[in-house]
Amino acid sequence: METAAFLVESSPLPKIIEQLSPYYKELLNAYYYENCSTKQLAEYFECSLSKIKIDLYRARKKLKKQLEKAGYDQWLL
């Protein structure tokens, strides 16, 4: 049985995330891995809640585009 660590190591995700801007990397990491709310992120980055939501959308969109460019589609991840 595969472990979660193996799946992360064999995934293209870490390498592709590294290609994102430092802001997008920090935003995605805080939201998905540290489970910060959008409200917490807005306070941390000292900006509006709507800006955080828009930036999360843009970061996910950019990540998806990078994954597709690398030859991955939604069914392979």
Protein backbone atom coordinates (compact mmCIF):
# COMPACT_ATOMS: atom_id res chain seq x y z
CA MET A 1 0.00 0.00 0.00
CA GLU A 2 1.33 3.44 -0.92
CA THR A 3 1.80 5.98 1.81
CA ALA A 4 0.92 9.64 1.59
CA ALA A 5 4.62 10.55 1.77
CA PHE A 6 5.37 8.40 -1.27
CA LEU A 7 2.52 10.01 -3.19
CA VAL A 8 3.85 13.49 -2.40
CA GLU A 9 7.41 12.50 -3.34
CA SER A 10 6.33 11.01 -6.65
CA SER A 11 3.94 13.85 -7.40
CA PRO A 12 4.85 16.71 -9.74
CA LEU A 13 3.16 19.10 -7.33
CA PRO A 14 6.14 20.16 -5.15
CA LYS A 15 8.32 20.94 -8.17
CA ILE A 16 5.58 22.90 -9.87
CA ILE A 17 4.66 24.79 -6.71
CA GLU A 18 8.30 25.90 -6.51
CA GLN A 19 7.83 27.64 -9.86
CA LEU A 20 5.10 29.89 -8.45
CA SER A 21 5.81 33.32 -7.03
CA PRO A 22 6.83 33.40 -3.35
CA TYR A 23 3.51 35.06 -2.49
CA TYR A 24 1.45 32.36 -4.21
CA LYS A 25 3.54 29.61 -2.59
CA GLU A 26 3.08 31.11 0.85
CA LEU A 27 -0.63 31.68 0.28
CA LEU A 28 -1.30 28.11 -0.93
CA ASN A 29 0.84 26.60 1.81
CA ALA A 30 -0.91 28.56 4.55
CA TYR A 31 -4.38 27.83 3.19
CA TYR A 32 -4.02 24.13 2.33
CA TYR A 33 -1.31 22.80 4.63
CA GLU A 34 -1.57 25.04 7.67
CA ASN A 35 -5.37 25.25 7.41
CA CYS A 36 -5.50 29.03 7.77
CA SER A 37 -8.82 30.62 6.99
CA THR A 38 -9.17 33.34 4.38
CA LYS A 39 -9.87 35.76 7.22
CA GLN A 40 -6.61 34.81 8.95
CA LEU A 41 -4.74 35.22 5.67
CA ALA A 42 -6.25 38.66 5.12
CA GLU A 43 -5.08 39.72 8.57
CA TYR A 44 -1.60 38.23 8.06
CA PHE A 45 -1.07 39.83 4.64
CA GLU A 46 -2.83 43.02 5.78
CA CYS A 47 -5.26 43.13 2.88
CA SER A 48 -8.94 42.63 2.23
CA LEU A 49 -10.72 39.30 2.38
CA SER A 50 -11.77 39.67 -1.25
CA LYS A 51 -8.13 40.13 -2.33
CA ILE A 52 -7.17 36.88 -0.60
CA LYS A 53 -10.02 35.01 -2.26
CA ILE A 54 -9.08 36.38 -5.67
CA ASP A 55 -5.40 35.61 -5.13
CA LEU A 56 -6.19 32.03 -4.05
CA TYR A 57 -8.24 31.62 -7.21
CA ARG A 58 -5.39 33.00 -9.32
CA ALA A 59 -2.80 30.82 -7.57
CA ARG A 60 -4.88 27.67 -8.15
CA LYS A 61 -5.46 28.67 -11.77
CA LYS A 62 -1.74 29.25 -12.32
CA LEU A 63 -0.91 25.95 -10.62
CA LYS A 64 -3.40 24.11 -12.82
CA LYS A 65 -1.94 25.74 -15.93
CA GLN A 66 1.59 24.74 -14.90
CA LEU A 67 0.47 21.16 -14.28
CA GLU A 68 -1.22 20.97 -17.67
CA LYS A 69 1.89 22.46 -19.30
CA ALA A 70 3.94 19.68 -17.65
CA GLY A 71 1.63 17.11 -19.23
CA TYR A 72 -0.68 16.35 -16.34
CA ASP A 73 -4.42 16.63 -16.45
CA GLN A 74 -7.00 16.47 -13.69
CA TRP A 75 -7.38 12.70 -14.00
CA LEU A 76 -3.70 11.93 -13.48
CA LEU A 77 -3.34 13.84 -10.23
